[in-house]
PDB file of N, CA and C in Angstrom:
ATOM      1  N   UNK A   1      14.773  10.032  19.889  1.00  0.00           N
ATOM      2  CA  UNK A   1      13.241   9.886  20.410  1.00  0.00           C
ATOM      3  C   UNK A   1      12.421   8.836  19.694  1.00  0.00           C
ATOM      4  N   UNK A   2      11.370   7.967  20.342  1.00  0.00           N
ATOM      5  CA  UNK A   2      10.875   6.960  19.821  1.00  0.00           C
ATOM      6  C   UNK A   2       9.908   7.377  19.242  1.00  0.00           C
ATOM      7  N   UNK A   3       9.503   7.137  18.206  1.00  0.00           N
ATOM      8  CA  UNK A   3       8.148   7.475  17.521  1.00  0.00           C
ATOM      9  C   UNK A   3       7.223   5.958  17.800  1.00  0.00           C
ATOM     10  N   UNK A   4       5.860   6.662  17.773  1.00  0.00           N
ATOM     11  CA  UNK A   4       4.889   5.534  18.463  1.00  0.00           C
ATOM     12  C   UNK A   4       4.380   5.003  17.049  1.00  0.00           C
ATOM     13  N   UNK A   5       3.979   3.843  16.954  1.00  0.00           N
ATOM     14  CA  UNK A   5       3.564   3.038  15.831  1.00  0.00           C
ATOM     15  C   UNK A   5       1.952   3.708  15.696  1.00  0.00           C
ATOM     16  N   UNK A   6       1.823   4.096  14.487  1.00  0.00           N
ATOM     17  CA  UNK A   6       0.547   4.917  14.213  1.00  0.00           C
ATOM     18  C   UNK A   6      -0.236   3.848  13.375  1.00  0.00           C
ATOM     19  N   UNK A   7      -1.670   4.013  13.359  1.00  0.00           N
ATOM     20  CA  UNK A   7      -2.598   3.057  12.701  1.00  0.00           C
ATOM     21  C   UNK A   7      -2.798   3.358  11.267  1.00  0.00           C
ATOM     22  N   UNK A   8      -2.308   2.669  10.537  1.00  0.00           N
ATOM     23  CA  UNK A   8      -2.332   3.200   9.056  1.00  0.00           C
ATOM     24  C   UNK A   8      -3.700   2.824   8.329  1.00  0.00           C
ATOM     25  N   UNK A   9      -4.646   2.142   8.767  1.00  0.00           N
ATOM     26  CA  UNK A   9      -5.910   2.023   8.321  1.00  0.00           C
ATOM     27  C   UNK A   9      -6.046   0.795   7.607  1.00  0.00           C
ATOM     28  N   UNK A  10      -5.394  -0.102   7.546  1.00  0.00           N
ATOM     29  CA  UNK A  10      -5.429  -1.193   7.007  1.00  0.00           C
ATOM     30  C   UNK A  10      -5.256  -2.584   7.866  1.00  0.00           C
ATOM     31  N   UNK A  11      -6.065  -3.543   7.482  1.00  0.00           N
ATOM     32  CA  UNK A  11      -6.025  -4.761   8.212  1.00  0.00           C
ATOM     33  C   UNK A  11      -4.617  -5.716   8.148  1.00  0.00           C
ATOM     34  N   UNK A  12      -3.760  -5.089   8.890  1.00  0.00           N
ATOM     35  CA  UNK A  12      -2.237  -5.904   8.588  1.00  0.00           C
ATOM     36  C   UNK A  12      -1.613  -5.918  10.117  1.00  0.00           C
ATOM     37  N   UNK A  13      -0.608  -6.708  10.393  1.00  0.00           N
ATOM     38  CA  UNK A  13       0.064  -6.817  11.633  1.00  0.00           C
ATOM     39  C   UNK A  13       1.106  -5.715  11.577  1.00  0.00           C
ATOM     40  N   UNK A  14       1.100  -4.758  12.676  1.00  0.00           N
ATOM     41  CA  UNK A  14       2.075  -3.775  12.519  1.00  0.00           C
ATOM     42  C   UNK A  14       3.474  -4.335  13.222  1.00  0.00           C
ATOM     43  N   UNK A  15       4.466  -3.618  12.776  1.00  0.00           N
ATOM     44  CA  UNK A  15       5.684  -4.330  13.169  1.00  0.00           C
ATOM     45  C   UNK A  15       6.023  -4.085  14.632  1.00  0.00           C
ATOM     46  N   UNK A  16       6.701  -5.072  15.196  1.00  0.00           N
ATOM     47  CA  UNK A  16       7.097  -4.812  16.772  1.00  0.00           C
ATOM     48  C   UNK A  16       8.285  -3.879  16.888  1.00  0.00           C
ATOM     49  N   UNK A  17       9.323  -3.760  16.299  1.00  0.00           N
ATOM     50  CA  UNK A  17      10.356  -2.770  16.065  1.00  0.00           C
ATOM     51  C   UNK A  17       9.820  -1.213  15.699  1.00  0.00           C
ATOM     52  N   UNK A  18      10.799  -0.221  16.186  1.00  0.00           N
ATOM     53  CA  UNK A  18      10.433   1.085  15.626  1.00  0.00           C
ATOM     54  C   UNK A  18      11.463   1.499  14.802  1.00  0.00           C
ATOM     55  N   UNK A  19      11.389   2.627  13.870  1.00  0.00           N
ATOM     56  CA  UNK A  19      12.690   3.035  12.901  1.00  0.00           C
ATOM     57  C   UNK A  19      12.240   4.527  12.967  1.00  0.00           C
ATOM     58  N   UNK A  20      13.428   4.923  12.428  1.00  0.00           N
ATOM     59  CA  UNK A  20      13.714   6.469  12.275  1.00  0.00           C
ATOM     60  C   UNK A  20      13.397   6.832  10.485  1.00  0.00           C
ATOM     61  N   UNK A  21      12.752   6.018   9.969  1.00  0.00           N
ATOM     62  CA  UNK A  21      12.622   6.304   8.444  1.00  0.00           C
ATOM     63  C   UNK A  21      11.521   7.249   8.164  1.00  0.00           C
ATOM     64  N   UNK A  22      11.722   8.159   7.637  1.00  0.00           N
ATOM     65  CA  UNK A  22      10.558   9.096   7.329  1.00  0.00           C
ATOM     66  C   UNK A  22       9.576   8.539   6.202  1.00  0.00           C
ATOM     67  N   UNK A  23       9.895   7.560   5.441  1.00  0.00           N
ATOM     68  CA  UNK A  23       9.198   7.070   4.632  1.00  0.00           C
ATOM     69  C   UNK A  23       8.503   5.599   4.744  1.00  0.00           C
ATOM     70  N   UNK A  24       8.418   5.456   6.160  1.00  0.00           N
ATOM     71  CA  UNK A  24       7.886   4.375   6.815  1.00  0.00           C
ATOM     72  C   UNK A  24       6.507   4.842   6.898  1.00  0.00           C
ATOM     73  N   UNK A  25       5.430   3.975   6.617  1.00  0.00           N
ATOM     74  CA  UNK A  25       3.956   4.406   6.795  1.00  0.00           C
ATOM     75  C   UNK A  25       3.646   4.373   8.376  1.00  0.00           C
ATOM     76  N   UNK A  26       4.277   3.528   9.211  1.00  0.00           N
ATOM     77  CA  UNK A  26       4.020   3.324  10.496  1.00  0.00           C
ATOM     78  C   UNK A  26       4.787   4.307  11.387  1.00  0.00           C
ATOM     79  N   UNK A  27       5.925   5.004  11.164  1.00  0.00           N
ATOM     80  CA  UNK A  27       6.637   5.744  11.810  1.00  0.00           C
ATOM     81  C   UNK A  27       7.000   7.070  11.240  1.00  0.00           C
ATOM     82  N   UNK A  28       6.677   7.191  10.012  1.00  0.00           N
ATOM     83  CA  UNK A  28       7.006   8.318   9.272  1.00  0.00           C
ATOM     84  C   UNK A  28       6.042   9.172   8.882  1.00  0.00           C
ATOM     85  N   UNK A  29       6.122   9.743   7.597  1.00  0.00           N
ATOM     86  CA  UNK A  29       4.704  10.879   7.026  1.00  0.00           C
ATOM     87  C   UNK A  29       4.193  10.165   5.668  1.00  0.00           C
ATOM     88  N   UNK A  30       4.607   8.883   5.338  1.00  0.00           N
ATOM     89  CA  UNK A  30       4.088   8.340   4.242  1.00  0.00           C
ATOM     90  C   UNK A  30       2.633   8.036   4.450  1.00  0.00           C
ATOM     91  N   UNK A  31       1.536   8.115   3.918  1.00  0.00           N
ATOM     92  CA  UNK A  31       0.365   7.706   3.855  1.00  0.00           C
ATOM     93  C   UNK A  31       0.266   6.557   2.758  1.00  0.00           C
ATOM     94  N   UNK A  32      -0.780   5.432   2.919  1.00  0.00           N
ATOM     95  CA  UNK A  32      -0.954   4.719   2.029  1.00  0.00           C
ATOM     96  C   UNK A  32      -2.536   4.809   1.648  1.00  0.00           C
ATOM     97  N   UNK A  33      -2.583   4.370   0.113  1.00  0.00           N
ATOM     98  CA  UNK A  33      -3.791   4.667  -0.611  1.00  0.00           C
ATOM     99  C   UNK A  33      -3.835   3.476  -1.405  1.00  0.00           C
ATOM    100  N   UNK A  34      -4.960   3.072  -2.383  1.00  0.00           N
ATOM    101  CA  UNK A  34      -4.995   2.608  -3.664  1.00  0.00           C
ATOM    102  C   UNK A  34      -5.011   1.059  -3.334  1.00  0.00           C
ATOM    103  N   UNK A  35      -4.184   0.379  -4.188  1.00  0.00           N
ATOM    104  CA  UNK A  35      -4.008  -1.040  -4.240  1.00  0.00           C
ATOM    105  C   UNK A  35      -3.263  -1.673  -3.265  1.00  0.00           C
ATOM    106  N   UNK A  36      -3.536  -3.099  -3.081  1.00  0.00           N
ATOM    107  CA  UNK A  36      -2.308  -3.849  -2.245  1.00  0.00           C
ATOM    108  C   UNK A  36      -1.978  -4.654  -2.859  1.00  0.00           C
ATOM    109  N   UNK A  37      -0.547  -5.092  -3.059  1.00  0.00           N
ATOM    110  CA  UNK A  37      -0.255  -6.230  -3.640  1.00  0.00           C
ATOM    111  C   UNK A  37       0.387  -6.987  -2.643  1.00  0.00           C
ATOM    112  N   UNK A  38       0.595  -8.369  -3.141  1.00  0.00           N
ATOM    113  CA  UNK A  38       1.526  -9.507  -2.315  1.00  0.00           C
ATOM    114  C   UNK A  38       2.123 -10.026  -3.501  1.00  0.00           C
ATOM    115  N   UNK A  39       3.527 -10.293  -2.866  1.00  0.00           N
ATOM    116  CA  UNK A  39       4.786 -10.813  -3.846  1.00  0.00           C
ATOM    117  C   UNK A  39       5.827 -11.474  -3.132  1.00  0.00           C
ATOM    118  N   UNK A  40       6.862 -11.947  -3.799  1.00  0.00           N
ATOM    119  CA  UNK A  40       8.000 -12.386  -3.023  1.00  0.00           C
ATOM    120  C   UNK A  40       9.320 -11.616  -3.426  1.00  0.00           C
ATOM    121  N   UNK A  41      10.088 -11.384  -2.143  1.00  0.00           N
ATOM    122  CA  UNK A  41      11.316 -10.517  -2.559  1.00  0.00           C
ATOM    123  C   UNK A  41      12.200 -11.255  -3.183  1.00  0.00           C
ATOM    124  N   UNK A  42      12.751 -10.834  -4.260  1.00  0.00           N
ATOM    125  CA  UNK A  42      13.700 -11.580  -5.075  1.00  0.00           C
ATOM    126  C   UNK A  42      14.712 -10.656  -5.009  1.00  0.00           C
ATOM    127  N   UNK A  43      14.761  -9.466  -4.697  1.00  0.00           N
ATOM    128  CA  UNK A  43      16.275  -8.515  -4.678  1.00  0.00           C
ATOM    129  C   UNK A  43      16.114  -7.436  -3.696  1.00  0.00           C
ATOM    130  N   UNK A  44      17.038  -7.087  -3.008  1.00  0.00           N
ATOM    131  CA  UNK A  44      17.099  -6.172  -2.374  1.00  0.00           C
ATOM    132  C   UNK A  44      18.438  -5.202  -2.570  1.00  0.00           C
ATOM    133  N   UNK A  45      18.088  -4.022  -2.755  1.00  0.00           N
ATOM    134  CA  UNK A  45      19.243  -3.117  -3.361  1.00  0.00           C
ATOM    135  C   UNK A  45      19.084  -1.931  -2.697  1.00  0.00           C
ATOM    136  N   UNK A  46      20.104  -1.129  -2.920  1.00  0.00           N
ATOM    137  CA  UNK A  46      20.069   0.501  -2.111  1.00  0.00           C
ATOM    138  C   UNK A  46      20.016   0.239  -0.809  1.00  0.00           C
ATOM    139  N   UNK A  47      19.423   1.201  -0.148  1.00  0.00           N
ATOM    140  CA  UNK A  47      19.462   1.153   1.498  1.00  0.00           C
ATOM    141  C   UNK A  47      18.057   0.418   2.118  1.00  0.00           C
ATOM    142  N   UNK A  48      17.058   0.984   1.553  1.00  0.00           N
ATOM    143  CA  UNK A  48      15.696   0.592   1.832  1.00  0.00           C
ATOM    144  C   UNK A  48      14.775   0.311   0.670  1.00  0.00           C
ATOM    145  N   UNK A  49      15.250  -0.376  -0.234  1.00  0.00           N
ATOM    146  CA  UNK A  49      14.606  -0.834  -1.357  1.00  0.00           C
ATOM    147  C   UNK A  49      14.533  -2.339  -1.742  1.00  0.00           C
ATOM    148  N   UNK A  50      13.543  -2.840  -2.257  1.00  0.00           N
ATOM    149  CA  UNK A  50      13.430  -4.189  -2.501  1.00  0.00           C
ATOM    150  C   UNK A  50      12.753  -4.309  -3.964  1.00  0.00           C
ATOM    151  N   UNK A  51      12.937  -5.578  -4.600  1.00  0.00           N
ATOM    152  CA  UNK A  51      11.988  -5.786  -5.526  1.00  0.00           C
ATOM    153  C   UNK A  51      11.240  -6.967  -5.562  1.00  0.00           C
ATOM    154  N   UNK A  52       9.944  -6.888  -5.622  1.00  0.00           N
ATOM    155  CA  UNK A  52       8.904  -8.236  -5.273  1.00  0.00           C
ATOM    156  C   UNK A  52       8.655  -8.437  -6.386  1.00  0.00           C
ATOM    157  N   UNK A  53       8.339  -9.686  -6.647  1.00  0.00           N
ATOM    158  CA  UNK A  53       7.707 -10.257  -8.149  1.00  0.00           C
ATOM    159  C   UNK A  53       6.435 -11.110  -7.748  1.00  0.00           C
ATOM    160  N   UNK A  54       5.343 -10.840  -8.659  1.00  0.00           N
ATOM    161  CA  UNK A  54       4.121 -11.380  -8.785  1.00  0.00           C
ATOM    162  C   UNK A  54       4.140 -12.324 -10.073  1.00  0.00           C
ATOM    163  N   UNK A  55       3.757 -13.756  -9.757  1.00  0.00           N
ATOM    164  CA  UNK A  55       3.455 -14.527 -11.050  1.00  0.00           C
ATOM    165  C   UNK A  55       1.922 -14.658 -11.205  1.00  0.00           C
ATOM    166  N   UNK A  56       1.532 -14.218 -12.417  1.00  0.00           N
ATOM    167  CA  UNK A  56       0.323 -14.643 -12.893  1.00  0.00           C
ATOM    168  C   UNK A  56       0.239 -15.461 -14.054  1.00  0.00           C
ATOM    169  N   UNK A  57      -0.985 -16.089 -14.283  1.00  0.00           N
ATOM    170  CA  UNK A  57      -1.420 -17.142 -15.352  1.00  0.00           C
ATOM    171  C   UNK A  57      -2.313 -16.173 -16.305  1.00  0.00           C
ATOM    172  N   UNK A  58      -1.839 -16.067 -17.678  1.00  0.00           N
ATOM    173  CA  UNK A  58      -2.599 -15.350 -18.865  1.00  0.00           C
ATOM    174  C   UNK A  58      -3.216 -16.258 -19.654  1.00  0.00           C
ATOM    175  N   UNK A  59      -4.366 -16.208 -20.292  1.00  0.00           N
ATOM    176  CA  UNK A  59      -5.019 -16.906 -21.065  1.00  0.00           C
ATOM    177  C   UNK A  59      -4.880 -16.377 -22.467  1.00  0.00           C
ATOM    178  N   UNK A  60      -4.363 -17.173 -23.442  1.00  0.00           N
ATOM    179  CA  UNK A  60      -4.013 -16.729 -24.784  1.00  0.00           C
ATOM    180  C   UNK A  60      -5.021 -17.468 -25.603  1.00  0.00           C
ATOM    181  N   UNK A  61      -6.197 -16.568 -26.078  1.00  0.00           N
ATOM    182  CA  UNK A  61      -7.229 -16.804 -26.535  1.00  0.00           C
ATOM    183  C   UNK A  61      -7.115 -17.430 -28.158  1.00  0.00           C
ATOM    184  N   UNK A  62      -6.105 -17.112 -28.783  1.00  0.00           N
ATOM    185  CA  UNK A  62      -5.664 -17.562 -30.011  1.00  0.00           C
ATOM    186  C   UNK A  62      -5.207 -19.020 -29.991  1.00  0.00           C
ATOM    187  N   UNK A  63      -4.537 -19.555 -29.081  1.00  0.00           N
ATOM    188  CA  UNK A  63      -4.020 -20.770 -28.996  1.00  0.00           C
ATOM    189  C   UNK A  63      -4.723 -21.466 -28.066  1.00  0.00           C
ATOM    190  N   UNK A  64      -5.756 -21.170 -27.341  1.00  0.00           N
ATOM    191  CA  UNK A  64      -6.354 -21.679 -26.349  1.00  0.00           C
ATOM    192  C   UNK A  64      -5.521 -22.354 -25.197  1.00  0.00           C
ATOM    193  N   UNK A  65      -4.775 -21.524 -24.763  1.00  0.00           N
ATOM    194  CA  UNK A  65      -3.646 -22.134 -23.750  1.00  0.00           C
ATOM    195  C   UNK A  65      -3.298 -20.937 -22.625  1.00  0.00           C
ATOM    196  N   UNK A  66      -2.723 -21.431 -21.597  1.00  0.00           N
ATOM    197  CA  UNK A  66      -2.322 -20.510 -20.780  1.00  0.00           C
ATOM    198  C   UNK A  66      -1.026 -20.217 -20.810  1.00  0.00           C
ATOM    199  N   UNK A  67      -0.464 -18.935 -20.381  1.00  0.00           N
ATOM    200  CA  UNK A  67       1.023 -18.758 -20.221  1.00  0.00           C
ATOM    201  C   UNK A  67       1.294 -17.940 -18.958  1.00  0.00           C
ATOM    202  N   UNK A  68       2.256 -18.530 -18.346  1.00  0.00           N
ATOM    203  CA  UNK A  68       2.906 -17.658 -17.275  1.00  0.00           C
ATOM    204  C   UNK A  68       3.464 -16.279 -17.376  1.00  0.00           C
ATOM    205  N   UNK A  69       3.100 -15.348 -16.602  1.00  0.00           N
ATOM    206  CA  UNK A  69       3.711 -13.937 -16.692  1.00  0.00           C
ATOM    207  C   UNK A  69       4.346 -13.641 -15.394  1.00  0.00           C
ATOM    208  N   UNK A  70       5.128 -12.710 -15.332  1.00  0.00           N
ATOM    209  CA  UNK A  70       5.677 -12.087 -14.068  1.00  0.00           C
ATOM    210  C   UNK A  70       5.636 -10.619 -14.153  1.00  0.00           C
ATOM    211  N   UNK A  71       5.578  -9.865 -13.113  1.00  0.00           N
ATOM    212  CA  UNK A  71       5.487  -8.548 -12.830  1.00  0.00           C
ATOM    213  C   UNK A  71       6.552  -8.289 -11.806  1.00  0.00           C
ATOM    214  N   UNK A  72       7.444  -7.578 -11.955  1.00  0.00           N
ATOM    215  CA  UNK A  72       8.459  -7.202 -11.014  1.00  0.00           C
ATOM    216  C   UNK A  72       8.323  -5.686 -10.739  1.00  0.00           C
ATOM    217  N   UNK A  73       8.050  -5.413  -9.279  1.00  0.00           N
ATOM    218  CA  UNK A  73       7.761  -4.009  -8.618  1.00  0.00           C
ATOM    219  C   UNK A  73       8.645  -3.651  -7.893  1.00  0.00           C
ATOM    220  N   UNK A  74       9.243  -2.502  -7.748  1.00  0.00           N
ATOM    221  CA  UNK A  74      10.172  -2.045  -6.960  1.00  0.00           C
ATOM    222  C   UNK A  74       9.251  -1.413  -5.812  1.00  0.00           C
ATOM    223  N   UNK A  75       9.915  -1.658  -4.313  1.00  0.00           N
ATOM    224  CA  UNK A  75       9.061  -1.297  -3.352  1.00  0.00           C
ATOM    225  C   UNK A  75       9.992  -0.466  -2.374  1.00  0.00           C
ATOM    226  N   UNK A  76       9.620   0.138  -1.502  1.00  0.00           N
ATOM    227  CA  UNK A  76      10.359   0.650  -0.389  1.00  0.00           C
ATOM    228  C   UNK A  76      10.208  -0.243   0.827  1.00  0.00           C
ATOM    229  N   UNK A  77      11.504  -0.505   1.493  1.00  0.00           N
ATOM    230  CA  UNK A  77      11.390  -1.616   2.628  1.00  0.00           C
ATOM    231  C   UNK A  77      11.641  -0.971   3.930  1.00  0.00           C
ATOM    232  N   UNK A  78      11.082  -0.614   5.019  1.00  0.00           N
ATOM    233  CA  UNK A  78      11.274   0.281   5.962  1.00  0.00           C
ATOM    234  C   UNK A  78      12.193  -0.738   6.723  1.00  0.00           C
ATOM    235  N   UNK A  79      13.177  -0.279   7.614  1.00  0.00           N
ATOM    236  CA  UNK A  79      14.183  -1.009   8.453  1.00  0.00           C
ATOM    237  C   UNK A  79      13.133  -1.707   9.604  1.00  0.00           C
ATOM    238  N   UNK A  80      12.193  -1.147   9.826  1.00  0.00           N
ATOM    239  CA  UNK A  80      11.498  -1.982  10.971  1.00  0.00           C
ATOM    240  C   UNK A  80      10.574  -3.289  10.698  1.00  0.00           C
ATOM    241  N   UNK A  81      10.701  -3.498   9.422  1.00  0.00           N
ATOM    242  CA  UNK A  81       9.800  -4.739   8.852  1.00  0.00           C
ATOM    243  C   UNK A  81      11.049  -5.671   8.249  1.00  0.00           C
ATOM    244  N   UNK A  82      11.037  -6.709   9.160  1.00  0.00           N
ATOM    245  CA  UNK A  82      12.484  -7.872   9.264  1.00  0.00           C
ATOM    246  C   UNK A  82      11.920  -8.656   7.813  1.00  0.00           C
ATOM    247  N   UNK A  83      12.289  -8.270   6.732  1.00  0.00           N
ATOM    248  CA  UNK A  83      12.178  -8.858   5.428  1.00  0.00           C
ATOM    249  C   UNK A  83      13.369  -9.156   4.660  1.00  0.00           C
ATOM    250  N   UNK A  84      13.573 -10.645   4.424  1.00  0.00           N
ATOM    251  CA  UNK A  84      14.892 -10.930   3.682  1.00  0.00           C
ATOM    252  C   UNK A  84      14.417 -11.512   2.369  1.00  0.00           C
ATOM    253  N   UNK A  85      15.438 -11.851   1.352  1.00  0.00           N
ATOM    254  CA  UNK A  85      15.201 -12.225   0.091  1.00  0.00           C
ATOM    255  C   UNK A  85      14.370 -13.719   0.263  1.00  0.00           C
ATOM    256  N   UNK A  86      13.353 -14.158  -0.253  1.00  0.00           N
ATOM    257  CA  UNK A  86      12.709 -15.343  -0.343  1.00  0.00           C
ATOM    258  C   UNK A  86      11.462 -15.214   0.443  1.00  0.00           C
ATOM    259  N   UNK A  87      11.206 -13.948   1.032  1.00  0.00           N
ATOM    260  CA  UNK A  87       9.901 -13.694   1.867  1.00  0.00           C
ATOM    261  C   UNK A  87       8.854 -13.336   1.244  1.00  0.00           C
ATOM    262  N   UNK A  88       7.394 -13.651   1.500  1.00  0.00           N
ATOM    263  CA  UNK A  88       6.368 -13.265   1.095  1.00  0.00           C
ATOM    264  C   UNK A  88       5.818 -11.912   1.784  1.00  0.00           C
ATOM    265  N   UNK A  89       5.620 -10.875   1.193  1.00  0.00           N
ATOM    266  CA  UNK A  89       5.448  -9.493   1.986  1.00  0.00           C
ATOM    267  C   UNK A  89       4.344  -9.028   1.066  1.00  0.00           C
ATOM    268  N   UNK A  90       3.570  -7.953   1.611  1.00  0.00           N
ATOM    269  CA  UNK A  90       2.362  -7.328   1.465  1.00  0.00           C
ATOM    270  C   UNK A  90       2.687  -5.866   1.211  1.00  0.00           C
ATOM    271  N   UNK A  91       2.505  -5.314   0.111  1.00  0.00           N
ATOM    272  CA  UNK A  91       2.845  -3.886  -0.187  1.00  0.00           C
ATOM    273  C   UNK A  91       1.710  -3.170  -0.500  1.00  0.00           C
ATOM    274  N   UNK A  92       1.660  -1.838   0.163  1.00  0.00           N
ATOM    275  CA  UNK A  92       0.456  -1.026  -0.562  1.00  0.00           C
ATOM    276  C   UNK A  92       1.004   0.391  -1.164  1.00  0.00           C
ATOM    277  N   UNK A  93       0.026   0.991  -2.250  1.00  0.00           N
ATOM    278  CA  UNK A  93       0.524   2.102  -2.973  1.00  0.00           C
ATOM    279  C   UNK A  93       0.557   3.122  -1.921  1.00  0.00           C
ATOM    280  N   UNK A  94       1.511   4.144  -2.334  1.00  0.00           N
ATOM    281  CA  UNK A  94       1.714   5.311  -1.700  1.00  0.00           C
ATOM    282  C   UNK A  94       1.977   6.218  -2.871  1.00  0.00           C
ATOM    283  N   UNK A  95       2.389   7.591  -2.403  1.00  0.00           N
ATOM    284  CA  UNK A  95       2.786   8.511  -3.264  1.00  0.00           C
ATOM    285  C   UNK A  95       4.109   8.431  -3.895  1.00  0.00           C
ATOM    286  N   UNK A  96       4.685   8.652  -5.156  1.00  0.00           N
ATOM    287  CA  UNK A  96       5.927   8.350  -5.715  1.00  0.00           C
ATOM    288  C   UNK A  96       6.949   8.673  -4.772  1.00  0.00           C
ATOM    289  N   UNK A  97       8.073   7.853  -4.183  1.00  0.00           N
ATOM    290  CA  UNK A  97       8.838   8.099  -3.258  1.00  0.00           C
ATOM    291  C   UNK A  97      10.127   8.327  -3.957  1.00  0.00           C
ATOM    292  N   UNK A  98      10.359   7.782  -5.240  1.00  0.00           N
ATOM    293  CA  UNK A  98      11.484   7.822  -6.172  1.00  0.00           C
ATOM    294  C   UNK A  98      10.956   7.730  -7.381  1.00  0.00           C
ATOM    295  N   UNK A  99      12.032   7.580  -8.750  1.00  0.00           N
ATOM    296  CA  UNK A  99      11.418   7.440  -9.742  1.00  0.00           C
ATOM    297  C   UNK A  99      10.738   6.150 -10.080  1.00  0.00           C
ATOM    298  N   UNK A 100      11.330   5.039  -9.363  1.00  0.00           N
ATOM    299  CA  UNK A 100      10.598   3.861  -9.656  1.00  0.00           C
ATOM    300  C   UNK A 100       9.769   3.210  -8.526  1.00  0.00           C
ATOM    301  N   UNK A 101       9.836   3.798  -7.416  1.00  0.00           N
ATOM    302  CA  UNK A 101       9.186   3.436  -6.392  1.00  0.00           C
ATOM    303  C   UNK A 101       7.889   3.960  -5.900  1.00  0.00           C
ATOM    304  N   UNK A 102       6.572   3.340  -5.993  1.00  0.00           N
ATOM    305  CA  UNK A 102       5.301   4.047  -5.665  1.00  0.00           C
ATOM    306  C   UNK A 102       4.651   3.002  -4.764  1.00  0.00           C
ATOM    307  N   UNK A 103       5.498   1.955  -3.966  1.00  0.00           N
ATOM    308  CA  UNK A 103       4.844   1.121  -3.102  1.00  0.00           C
ATOM    309  C   UNK A 103       5.653   1.262  -2.004  1.00  0.00           C
ATOM    310  N   UNK A 104       5.191   0.663  -0.767  1.00  0.00           N
ATOM    311  CA  UNK A 104       5.855   0.768   0.562  1.00  0.00           C
ATOM    312  C   UNK A 104       5.350  -0.667   1.288  1.00  0.00           C
ATOM    313  N   UNK A 105       6.078  -1.704   1.556  1.00  0.00           N
ATOM    314  CA  UNK A 105       5.965  -2.860   2.379  1.00  0.00           C
ATOM    315  C   UNK A 105       5.490  -2.528   3.713  1.00  0.00           C
ATOM    316  N   UNK A 106       3.950  -3.293   3.963  1.00  0.00           N
ATOM    317  CA  UNK A 106       3.167  -2.979   5.098  1.00  0.00           C
ATOM    318  C   UNK A 106       3.381  -4.081   6.004  1.00  0.00           C
ATOM    319  N   UNK A 107       3.859  -5.269   5.484  1.00  0.00           N
ATOM    320  CA  UNK A 107       3.510  -6.452   6.326  1.00  0.00           C
ATOM    321  C   UNK A 107       4.655  -7.708   5.813  1.00  0.00           C
ATOM    322  N   UNK A 108       5.189  -8.312   6.437  1.00  0.00           N
ATOM    323  CA  UNK A 108       5.822  -9.738   6.220  1.00  0.00           C
ATOM    324  C   UNK A 108       5.017 -10.835   6.485  1.00  0.00           C
ATOM    325  N   UNK A 109       4.506 -11.452   5.629  1.00  0.00           N
ATOM    326  CA  UNK A 109       3.501 -12.460   5.783  1.00  0.00           C
ATOM    327  C   UNK A 109       4.256 -13.652   6.272  1.00  0.00           C
ATOM    328  N   UNK A 110       5.115 -14.156   5.428  1.00  0.00           N
ATOM    329  CA  UNK A 110       5.732 -15.427   5.913  1.00  0.00           C
ATOM    330  C   UNK A 110       7.516 -15.192   5.702  1.00  0.00           C
ATOM    331  N   UNK A 111       8.415 -15.882   6.668  1.00  0.00           N
ATOM    332  CA  UNK A 111       9.524 -16.124   6.451  1.00  0.00           C
ATOM    333  C   UNK A 111      10.177 -17.103   5.286  1.00  0.00           C
ATOM    334  N   UNK A 112      11.190 -16.602   4.608  1.00  0.00           N
ATOM    335  CA  UNK A 112      11.764 -17.653   3.504  1.00  0.00           C
ATOM    336  C   UNK A 112      10.810 -18.470   2.794  1.00  0.00           C
ATOM    337  N   UNK A 113       9.987 -17.912   2.183  1.00  0.00           N
ATOM    338  CA  UNK A 113       8.791 -18.568   1.383  1.00  0.00           C
ATOM    339  C   UNK A 113       8.084 -19.542   1.964  1.00  0.00           C
ATOM    340  N   UNK A 114       7.610 -19.403   3.289  1.00  0.00           N
ATOM    341  CA  UNK A 114       6.720 -20.187   4.025  1.00  0.00           C
ATOM    342  C   UNK A 114       7.397 -21.024   4.907  1.00  0.00           C
ATOM    343  N   UNK A 115       8.772 -21.126   5.062  1.00  0.00           N
ATOM    344  CA  UNK A 115       9.385 -22.172   5.854  1.00  0.00           C
ATOM    345  C   UNK A 115       9.218 -21.969   7.350  1.00  0.00           C
TER     346      UNK A 115
END
């Protein structure tokens, strides 16, 4: 049975493929809410999971300088979204899907870091 792609309520491009994943926001039962984050996929592990990294600049008041910081977030990667290591993706917050995963990828912005 082919599941129709549903509207998730965000201004993103929906995937062209379909999937049978129950944790997919487009073809499953997971609803998205809260914040959206953008980051680069640095690791894919397990079956449908990935780690995205966000780089930020933080100002240290004491030394009057900036320092680079990074945040790594585990996300669920549905099979209908074609994303590989190095891609820039957009993820949305959802209910906790596992111990460490509370975000799901909703859009692949660019392939292989903008190439």
